[in-house]
PDB file of all heavy atoms in Angstrom:
ATOM      1  N   ILE A   1      21.507   1.279  -0.047  1.00  0.00           N
ATOM      2  CA  ILE A   1      21.101   1.056  -1.468  1.00  0.00           C
ATOM      3  C   ILE A   1      22.058   0.086  -2.107  1.00  0.00           C
ATOM      4  O   ILE A   1      21.593  -0.851  -2.781  1.00  0.00           O
ATOM      5  CB  ILE A   1      21.044   2.389  -2.187  1.00  0.00           C
ATOM      6  CG1 ILE A   1      19.953   3.244  -1.691  1.00  0.00           C
ATOM      7  CG2 ILE A   1      20.904   2.126  -3.699  1.00  0.00           C
ATOM      8  CD1 ILE A   1      20.004   4.719  -2.164  1.00  0.00           C
ATOM      9  N   ASN A   2      23.373   0.291  -1.938  1.00  0.00           N
ATOM     10  CA  ASN A   2      24.334  -0.612  -2.552  1.00  0.00           C
ATOM     11  C   ASN A   2      24.207  -2.036  -1.996  1.00  0.00           C
ATOM     12  O   ASN A   2      24.352  -2.986  -2.808  1.00  0.00           O
ATOM     13  CB  ASN A   2      25.738  -0.062  -2.390  1.00  0.00           C
ATOM     14  CG  ASN A   2      26.035   1.044  -3.361  1.00  0.00           C
ATOM     15  OD1 ASN A   2      25.680   1.002  -4.549  1.00  0.00           O
ATOM     16  ND2 ASN A   2      26.703   2.046  -2.889  1.00  0.00           N
ATOM     17  N   GLU A   3      24.017  -2.155  -0.750  1.00  0.00           N
ATOM     18  CA  GLU A   3      23.816  -3.558  -0.145  1.00  0.00           C
ATOM     19  C   GLU A   3      22.637  -4.280  -0.805  1.00  0.00           C
ATOM     20  O   GLU A   3      22.695  -5.420  -1.144  1.00  0.00           O
ATOM     21  CB  GLU A   3      23.650  -3.482   1.324  1.00  0.00           C
ATOM     22  CG  GLU A   3      24.915  -3.143   2.086  1.00  0.00           C
ATOM     23  CD  GLU A   3      24.671  -2.810   3.559  1.00  0.00           C
ATOM     24  OE1 GLU A   3      23.482  -2.997   4.005  1.00  0.00           O
ATOM     25  OE2 GLU A   3      25.599  -2.359   4.260  1.00  0.00           O
ATOM     26  N   ALA A   4      21.552  -3.500  -0.941  1.00  0.00           N
ATOM     27  CA  ALA A   4      20.334  -4.104  -1.541  1.00  0.00           C
ATOM     28  C   ALA A   4      20.549  -4.492  -3.000  1.00  0.00           C
ATOM     29  O   ALA A   4      20.125  -5.552  -3.515  1.00  0.00           O
ATOM     30  CB  ALA A   4      19.168  -3.173  -1.402  1.00  0.00           C
ATOM     31  N   LEU A   5      21.265  -3.585  -3.726  1.00  0.00           N
ATOM     32  CA  LEU A   5      21.522  -3.817  -5.116  1.00  0.00           C
ATOM     33  C   LEU A   5      22.427  -5.096  -5.342  1.00  0.00           C
ATOM     34  O   LEU A   5      22.217  -5.835  -6.271  1.00  0.00           O
ATOM     35  CB  LEU A   5      22.286  -2.649  -5.785  1.00  0.00           C
ATOM     36  CG  LEU A   5      21.366  -1.405  -6.035  1.00  0.00           C
ATOM     37  CD1 LEU A   5      22.277  -0.171  -6.333  1.00  0.00           C
ATOM     38  CD2 LEU A   5      20.347  -1.603  -7.126  1.00  0.00           C
ATOM     39  N   GLU A   6      23.375  -5.252  -4.432  1.00  0.00           N
ATOM     40  CA  GLU A   6      24.288  -6.391  -4.553  1.00  0.00           C
ATOM     41  C   GLU A   6      23.635  -7.724  -4.251  1.00  0.00           C
ATOM     42  O   GLU A   6      24.163  -8.814  -4.693  1.00  0.00           O
ATOM     43  CB  GLU A   6      25.499  -6.170  -3.612  1.00  0.00           C
ATOM     44  CG  GLU A   6      26.433  -5.097  -4.199  1.00  0.00           C
ATOM     45  CD  GLU A   6      27.471  -4.676  -3.146  1.00  0.00           C
ATOM     46  OE1 GLU A   6      27.481  -5.214  -2.042  1.00  0.00           O
ATOM     47  OE2 GLU A   6      28.244  -3.732  -3.463  1.00  0.00           O
ATOM     48  N   ARG A   7      22.489  -7.753  -3.526  1.00  0.00           N
ATOM     49  CA  ARG A   7      21.893  -9.027  -3.249  1.00  0.00           C
ATOM     50  C   ARG A   7      20.513  -9.275  -3.931  1.00  0.00           C
ATOM     51  O   ARG A   7      19.904 -10.267  -3.775  1.00  0.00           O
ATOM     52  CB  ARG A   7      21.672  -9.215  -1.718  1.00  0.00           C
ATOM     53  CG  ARG A   7      20.753  -8.236  -1.023  1.00  0.00           C
ATOM     54  CD  ARG A   7      20.478  -8.545   0.392  1.00  0.00           C
ATOM     55  NE  ARG A   7      19.502  -7.652   1.007  1.00  0.00           N
ATOM     56  CZ  ARG A   7      19.845  -6.599   1.690  1.00  0.00           C
ATOM     57  NH1 ARG A   7      21.080  -6.368   1.954  1.00  0.00           N
ATOM     58  NH2 ARG A   7      18.883  -5.801   2.147  1.00  0.00           N
ATOM     59  N   CYS A   8      20.098  -8.265  -4.744  1.00  0.00           N
ATOM     60  CA  CYS A   8      18.825  -8.417  -5.440  1.00  0.00           C
ATOM     61  C   CYS A   8      19.001  -9.358  -6.657  1.00  0.00           C
ATOM     62  O   CYS A   8      20.064  -9.461  -7.191  1.00  0.00           O
ATOM     63  CB  CYS A   8      18.271  -7.106  -5.799  1.00  0.00           C
ATOM     64  SG  CYS A   8      19.003  -6.293  -7.252  1.00  0.00           S
ATOM     65  N   ASP A   9      17.864  -9.943  -7.087  1.00  0.00           N
ATOM     66  CA  ASP A   9      17.877 -10.681  -8.345  1.00  0.00           C
ATOM     67  C   ASP A   9      17.036 -10.016  -9.438  1.00  0.00           C
ATOM     68  O   ASP A   9      16.994 -10.488 -10.564  1.00  0.00           O
ATOM     69  CB  ASP A   9      17.492 -12.110  -8.235  1.00  0.00           C
ATOM     70  CG  ASP A   9      16.209 -12.374  -7.373  1.00  0.00           C
ATOM     71  OD1 ASP A   9      15.367 -11.430  -7.374  1.00  0.00           O
ATOM     72  OD2 ASP A   9      16.118 -13.379  -6.728  1.00  0.00           O
ATOM     73  N   LEU A  10      16.438  -8.854  -9.122  1.00  0.00           N
ATOM     74  CA  LEU A  10      15.772  -8.020 -10.094  1.00  0.00           C
ATOM     75  C   LEU A  10      15.910  -6.559  -9.711  1.00  0.00           C
ATOM     76  O   LEU A  10      15.613  -6.146  -8.625  1.00  0.00           O
ATOM     77  CB  LEU A  10      14.291  -8.366 -10.202  1.00  0.00           C
ATOM     78  CG  LEU A  10      13.398  -7.494 -11.099  1.00  0.00           C
ATOM     79  CD1 LEU A  10      13.848  -7.599 -12.567  1.00  0.00           C
ATOM     80  CD2 LEU A  10      11.907  -7.898 -11.020  1.00  0.00           C
ATOM     81  N   PHE A  11      16.391  -5.763 -10.706  1.00  0.00           N
ATOM     82  CA  PHE A  11      16.459  -4.294 -10.539  1.00  0.00           C
ATOM     83  C   PHE A  11      15.645  -3.659 -11.639  1.00  0.00           C
ATOM     84  O   PHE A  11      15.780  -3.907 -12.817  1.00  0.00           O
ATOM     85  CB  PHE A  11      17.893  -3.835 -10.604  1.00  0.00           C
ATOM     86  CG  PHE A  11      18.015  -2.342 -10.650  1.00  0.00           C
ATOM     87  CD1 PHE A  11      17.660  -1.594  -9.533  1.00  0.00           C
ATOM     88  CD2 PHE A  11      18.511  -1.655 -11.767  1.00  0.00           C
ATOM     89  CE1 PHE A  11      17.741  -0.186  -9.551  1.00  0.00           C
ATOM     90  CE2 PHE A  11      18.602  -0.279 -11.799  1.00  0.00           C
ATOM     91  CZ  PHE A  11      18.240   0.478 -10.677  1.00  0.00           C
ATOM     92  N   VAL A  12      14.714  -2.782 -11.194  1.00  0.00           N
ATOM     93  CA  VAL A  12      13.867  -2.111 -12.126  1.00  0.00           C
ATOM     94  C   VAL A  12      13.983  -0.578 -11.962  1.00  0.00           C
ATOM     95  O   VAL A  12      13.853  -0.054 -10.866  1.00  0.00           O
ATOM     96  CB  VAL A  12      12.306  -2.492 -11.913  1.00  0.00           C
ATOM     97  CG1 VAL A  12      11.426  -1.856 -12.977  1.00  0.00           C
ATOM     98  CG2 VAL A  12      12.146  -4.006 -11.946  1.00  0.00           C
ATOM     99  N   ALA A  13      14.288   0.131 -13.087  1.00  0.00           N
ATOM    100  CA  ALA A  13      14.380   1.518 -13.067  1.00  0.00           C
ATOM    101  C   ALA A  13      13.182   2.158 -13.775  1.00  0.00           C
ATOM    102  O   ALA A  13      12.850   1.691 -14.907  1.00  0.00           O
ATOM    103  CB  ALA A  13      15.641   2.036 -13.693  1.00  0.00           C
ATOM    104  N   ILE A  14      12.502   3.104 -13.127  1.00  0.00           N
ATOM    105  CA  ILE A  14      11.260   3.675 -13.678  1.00  0.00           C
ATOM    106  C   ILE A  14      11.357   5.176 -13.876  1.00  0.00           C
ATOM    107  O   ILE A  14      11.569   5.900 -12.874  1.00  0.00           O
ATOM    108  CB  ILE A  14      10.102   3.385 -12.826  1.00  0.00           C
ATOM    109  CG1 ILE A  14       9.858   1.838 -12.624  1.00  0.00           C
ATOM    110  CG2 ILE A  14       8.749   3.986 -13.371  1.00  0.00           C
ATOM    111  CD1 ILE A  14       8.923   1.488 -11.489  1.00  0.00           C
ATOM    112  N   GLY A  15      11.184   5.694 -15.097  1.00  0.00           N
ATOM    113  CA  GLY A  15      11.117   7.152 -15.289  1.00  0.00           C
ATOM    114  C   GLY A  15      12.320   7.920 -14.909  1.00  0.00           C
ATOM    115  O   GLY A  15      12.230   8.990 -14.329  1.00  0.00           O
ATOM    116  N   THR A  16      13.510   7.354 -15.157  1.00  0.00           N
ATOM    117  CA  THR A  16      14.728   8.034 -14.874  1.00  0.00           C
ATOM    118  C   THR A  16      15.633   8.080 -16.092  1.00  0.00           C
ATOM    119  O   THR A  16      15.706   7.119 -16.798  1.00  0.00           O
ATOM    120  CB  THR A  16      15.476   7.439 -13.639  1.00  0.00           C
ATOM    121  OG1 THR A  16      16.677   8.103 -13.372  1.00  0.00           O
ATOM    122  CG2 THR A  16      15.727   5.945 -13.847  1.00  0.00           C
ATOM    123  N   SER A  17      16.304   9.262 -16.296  1.00  0.00           N
ATOM    124  CA  SER A  17      17.065   9.397 -17.543  1.00  0.00           C
ATOM    125  C   SER A  17      18.282   8.502 -17.606  1.00  0.00           C
ATOM    126  O   SER A  17      18.808   8.212 -18.697  1.00  0.00           O
ATOM    127  CB  SER A  17      17.523  10.835 -17.657  1.00  0.00           C
ATOM    128  OG  SER A  17      18.424  11.147 -16.609  1.00  0.00           O
ATOM    129  N   GLY A  18      18.792   8.048 -16.450  1.00  0.00           N
ATOM    130  CA  GLY A  18      19.986   7.196 -16.493  1.00  0.00           C
ATOM    131  C   GLY A  18      21.253   8.001 -16.759  1.00  0.00           C
ATOM    132  O   GLY A  18      22.259   7.427 -17.091  1.00  0.00           O
ATOM    133  N   ASN A  19      21.239   9.328 -16.637  1.00  0.00           N
ATOM    134  CA  ASN A  19      22.384  10.119 -16.932  1.00  0.00           C
ATOM    135  C   ASN A  19      23.098  10.628 -15.671  1.00  0.00           C
ATOM    136  O   ASN A  19      24.246  11.080 -15.792  1.00  0.00           O
ATOM    137  CB  ASN A  19      22.018  11.357 -17.751  1.00  0.00           C
ATOM    138  CG  ASN A  19      21.446  10.919 -19.106  1.00  0.00           C
ATOM    139  OD1 ASN A  19      21.936   9.997 -19.716  1.00  0.00           O
ATOM    140  ND2 ASN A  19      20.499  11.714 -19.640  1.00  0.00           N
ATOM    141  N   VAL A  20      22.470  10.533 -14.545  1.00  0.00           N
ATOM    142  CA  VAL A  20      23.068  11.151 -13.296  1.00  0.00           C
ATOM    143  C   VAL A  20      23.578  10.016 -12.386  1.00  0.00           C
ATOM    144  O   VAL A  20      22.894   9.165 -11.965  1.00  0.00           O
ATOM    145  CB  VAL A  20      21.927  12.015 -12.580  1.00  0.00           C
ATOM    146  CG1 VAL A  20      22.602  12.632 -11.274  1.00  0.00           C
ATOM    147  CG2 VAL A  20      21.409  13.072 -13.484  1.00  0.00           C
ATOM    148  N   TYR A  21      24.883  10.108 -12.152  1.00  0.00           N
ATOM    149  CA  TYR A  21      25.480   9.198 -11.193  1.00  0.00           C
ATOM    150  C   TYR A  21      25.356   9.688  -9.784  1.00  0.00           C
ATOM    151  O   TYR A  21      25.277  10.844  -9.557  1.00  0.00           O
ATOM    152  CB  TYR A  21      27.011   8.988 -11.568  1.00  0.00           C
ATOM    153  CG  TYR A  21      27.140   8.054 -12.754  1.00  0.00           C
ATOM    154  CD1 TYR A  21      27.090   8.583 -14.046  1.00  0.00           C
ATOM    155  CD2 TYR A  21      27.299   6.704 -12.596  1.00  0.00           C
ATOM    156  CE1 TYR A  21      27.234   7.774 -15.146  1.00  0.00           C
ATOM    157  CE2 TYR A  21      27.465   5.819 -13.739  1.00  0.00           C
ATOM    158  CZ  TYR A  21      27.423   6.388 -14.953  1.00  0.00           C
ATOM    159  OH  TYR A  21      27.494   5.527 -16.020  1.00  0.00           O
ATOM    160  N   PRO A  22      25.290   8.766  -8.758  1.00  0.00           N
ATOM    161  CA  PRO A  22      25.521   7.301  -8.876  1.00  0.00           C
ATOM    162  C   PRO A  22      24.318   6.489  -9.338  1.00  0.00           C
ATOM    163  O   PRO A  22      24.528   5.340  -9.705  1.00  0.00           O
ATOM    164  CB  PRO A  22      25.900   6.902  -7.448  1.00  0.00           C
ATOM    165  CG  PRO A  22      25.123   7.881  -6.607  1.00  0.00           C
ATOM    166  CD  PRO A  22      25.113   9.211  -7.373  1.00  0.00           C
ATOM    167  N   ALA A  23      23.189   7.042  -9.414  1.00  0.00           N
ATOM    168  CA  ALA A  23      21.993   6.231  -9.820  1.00  0.00           C
ATOM    169  C   ALA A  23      22.126   5.622 -11.206  1.00  0.00           C
ATOM    170  O   ALA A  23      21.640   4.511 -11.382  1.00  0.00           O
ATOM    171  CB  ALA A  23      20.723   7.098  -9.737  1.00  0.00           C
ATOM    172  N   ALA A  24      22.822   6.249 -12.089  1.00  0.00           N
ATOM    173  CA  ALA A  24      22.970   5.748 -13.468  1.00  0.00           C
ATOM    174  C   ALA A  24      23.794   4.423 -13.393  1.00  0.00           C
ATOM    175  O   ALA A  24      23.666   3.601 -14.376  1.00  0.00           O
ATOM    176  CB  ALA A  24      23.710   6.778 -14.288  1.00  0.00           C
ATOM    177  N   GLY A  25      24.554   4.177 -12.350  1.00  0.00           N
ATOM    178  CA  GLY A  25      25.320   2.977 -12.305  1.00  0.00           C
ATOM    179  C   GLY A  25      24.673   1.844 -11.524  1.00  0.00           C
ATOM    180  O   GLY A  25      25.275   0.756 -11.360  1.00  0.00           O
ATOM    181  N   PHE A  26      23.423   2.084 -11.010  1.00  0.00           N
ATOM    182  CA  PHE A  26      22.768   1.058 -10.198  1.00  0.00           C
ATOM    183  C   PHE A  26      22.567  -0.258 -10.914  1.00  0.00           C
ATOM    184  O   PHE A  26      22.776  -1.352 -10.305  1.00  0.00           O
ATOM    185  CB  PHE A  26      21.450   1.544  -9.665  1.00  0.00           C
ATOM    186  CG  PHE A  26      21.471   2.547  -8.559  1.00  0.00           C
ATOM    187  CD1 PHE A  26      22.740   2.997  -8.043  1.00  0.00           C
ATOM    188  CD2 PHE A  26      20.321   3.135  -8.000  1.00  0.00           C
ATOM    189  CE1 PHE A  26      22.821   3.916  -7.014  1.00  0.00           C
ATOM    190  CE2 PHE A  26      20.418   4.002  -6.962  1.00  0.00           C
ATOM    191  CZ  PHE A  26      21.609   4.437  -6.454  1.00  0.00           C
ATOM    192  N   TYR A  27      22.215  -0.196 -12.210  1.00  0.00           N
ATOM    193  CA  TYR A  27      21.957  -1.495 -12.869  1.00  0.00           C
ATOM    194  C   TYR A  27      23.206  -2.311 -13.012  1.00  0.00           C
ATOM    195  O   TYR A  27      23.206  -3.562 -12.978  1.00  0.00           O
ATOM    196  CB  TYR A  27      21.242  -1.237 -14.194  1.00  0.00           C
ATOM    197  CG  TYR A  27      22.184  -0.827 -15.363  1.00  0.00           C
ATOM    198  CD1 TYR A  27      22.663  -1.778 -16.307  1.00  0.00           C
ATOM    199  CD2 TYR A  27      22.492   0.494 -15.568  1.00  0.00           C
ATOM    200  CE1 TYR A  27      23.439  -1.379 -17.307  1.00  0.00           C
ATOM    201  CE2 TYR A  27      23.276   0.909 -16.624  1.00  0.00           C
ATOM    202  CZ  TYR A  27      23.747  -0.040 -17.496  1.00  0.00           C
ATOM    203  OH  TYR A  27      24.546   0.328 -18.572  1.00  0.00           O
ATOM    204  N   GLN A  28      24.408  -1.659 -13.092  1.00  0.00           N
ATOM    205  CA  GLN A  28      25.659  -2.374 -13.165  1.00  0.00           C
ATOM    206  C   GLN A  28      25.963  -3.004 -11.792  1.00  0.00           C
ATOM    207  O   GLN A  28      26.456  -4.157 -11.739  1.00  0.00           O
ATOM    208  CB  GLN A  28      26.776  -1.425 -13.653  1.00  0.00           C
ATOM    209  CG  GLN A  28      26.586  -0.972 -15.056  1.00  0.00           C
ATOM    210  CD  GLN A  28      27.331   0.294 -15.387  1.00  0.00           C
ATOM    211  OE1 GLN A  28      27.318   1.217 -14.608  1.00  0.00           O
ATOM    212  NE2 GLN A  28      28.003   0.317 -16.489  1.00  0.00           N
ATOM    213  N   THR A  29      25.696  -2.381 -10.764  1.00  0.00           N
ATOM    214  CA  THR A  29      25.879  -2.916  -9.402  1.00  0.00           C
ATOM    215  C   THR A  29      24.985  -4.061  -9.204  1.00  0.00           C
ATOM    216  O   THR A  29      25.420  -5.152  -8.662  1.00  0.00           O
ATOM    217  CB  THR A  29      25.601  -1.815  -8.286  1.00  0.00           C
ATOM    218  OG1 THR A  29      26.343  -0.682  -8.578  1.00  0.00           O
ATOM    219  CG2 THR A  29      25.938  -2.386  -6.928  1.00  0.00           C
ATOM    220  N   ALA A  30      23.744  -4.054  -9.665  1.00  0.00           N
ATOM    221  CA  ALA A  30      22.792  -5.126  -9.523  1.00  0.00           C
ATOM    222  C   ALA A  30      23.310  -6.385 -10.298  1.00  0.00           C
ATOM    223  O   ALA A  30      23.003  -7.511  -9.942  1.00  0.00           O
ATOM    224  CB  ALA A  30      21.441  -4.727  -9.997  1.00  0.00           C
ATOM    225  N   ARG A  31      24.009  -6.171 -11.338  1.00  0.00           N
ATOM    226  CA  ARG A  31      24.478  -7.296 -12.187  1.00  0.00           C
ATOM    227  C   ARG A  31      25.606  -8.064 -11.540  1.00  0.00           C
ATOM    228  O   ARG A  31      25.953  -9.151 -12.061  1.00  0.00           O
ATOM    229  CB  ARG A  31      24.914  -6.767 -13.519  1.00  0.00           C
ATOM    230  CG  ARG A  31      23.831  -6.510 -14.490  1.00  0.00           C
ATOM    231  CD  ARG A  31      24.368  -6.143 -15.779  1.00  0.00           C
ATOM    232  NE  ARG A  31      23.346  -6.041 -16.803  1.00  0.00           N
ATOM    233  CZ  ARG A  31      23.444  -5.293 -17.913  1.00  0.00           C
ATOM    234  NH1 ARG A  31      24.542  -4.645 -18.159  1.00  0.00           N
ATOM    235  NH2 ARG A  31      22.430  -5.248 -18.774  1.00  0.00           N
ATOM    236  N   VAL A  32      26.231  -7.548 -10.498  1.00  0.00           N
ATOM    237  CA  VAL A  32      27.298  -8.226  -9.808  1.00  0.00           C
ATOM    238  C   VAL A  32      26.868  -9.655  -9.449  1.00  0.00           C
ATOM    239  O   VAL A  32      27.700 -10.568  -9.563  1.00  0.00           O
ATOM    240  CB  VAL A  32      27.759  -7.440  -8.579  1.00  0.00           C
ATOM    241  CG1 VAL A  32      28.702  -8.273  -7.745  1.00  0.00           C
ATOM    242  CG2 VAL A  32      28.419  -6.154  -8.954  1.00  0.00           C
ATOM    243  N   ASN A  33      25.687  -9.816  -9.005  1.00  0.00           N
ATOM    244  CA  ASN A  33      25.184 -11.178  -8.614  1.00  0.00           C
ATOM    245  C   ASN A  33      24.126 -11.625  -9.644  1.00  0.00           C
ATOM    246  O   ASN A  33      23.186 -12.325  -9.314  1.00  0.00           O
ATOM    247  CB  ASN A  33      24.551 -11.151  -7.240  1.00  0.00           C
ATOM    248  CG  ASN A  33      25.610 -10.971  -6.139  1.00  0.00           C
ATOM    249  OD1 ASN A  33      26.719 -11.483  -6.347  1.00  0.00           O
ATOM    250  ND2 ASN A  33      25.274 -10.342  -5.045  1.00  0.00           N
ATOM    251  N   SER A  34      24.369 -11.268 -10.933  1.00  0.00           N
ATOM    252  CA  SER A  34      23.539 -11.775 -12.005  1.00  0.00           C
ATOM    253  C   SER A  34      22.079 -11.379 -11.902  1.00  0.00           C
ATOM    254  O   SER A  34      21.183 -12.137 -12.386  1.00  0.00           O
ATOM    255  CB  SER A  34      23.660 -13.254 -12.178  1.00  0.00           C
ATOM    256  OG  SER A  34      25.001 -13.651 -12.307  1.00  0.00           O
ATOM    257  N   ALA A  35      21.802 -10.198 -11.447  1.00  0.00           N
ATOM    258  CA  ALA A  35      20.373  -9.730 -11.322  1.00  0.00           C
ATOM    259  C   ALA A  35      19.873  -9.382 -12.778  1.00  0.00           C
ATOM    260  O   ALA A  35      20.662  -8.961 -13.545  1.00  0.00           O
ATOM    261  CB  ALA A  35      20.276  -8.504 -10.426  1.00  0.00           C
TER     262      ALA A  35
END
């Protein structure tokens, strides 16, 4: 998952509260490469 997040250029989260880690931090990981 982390490898895919680091190389993606679009990250979409659907129907998730964003309160539970590590998933809550996925959008920040995706931004490492300006996704």
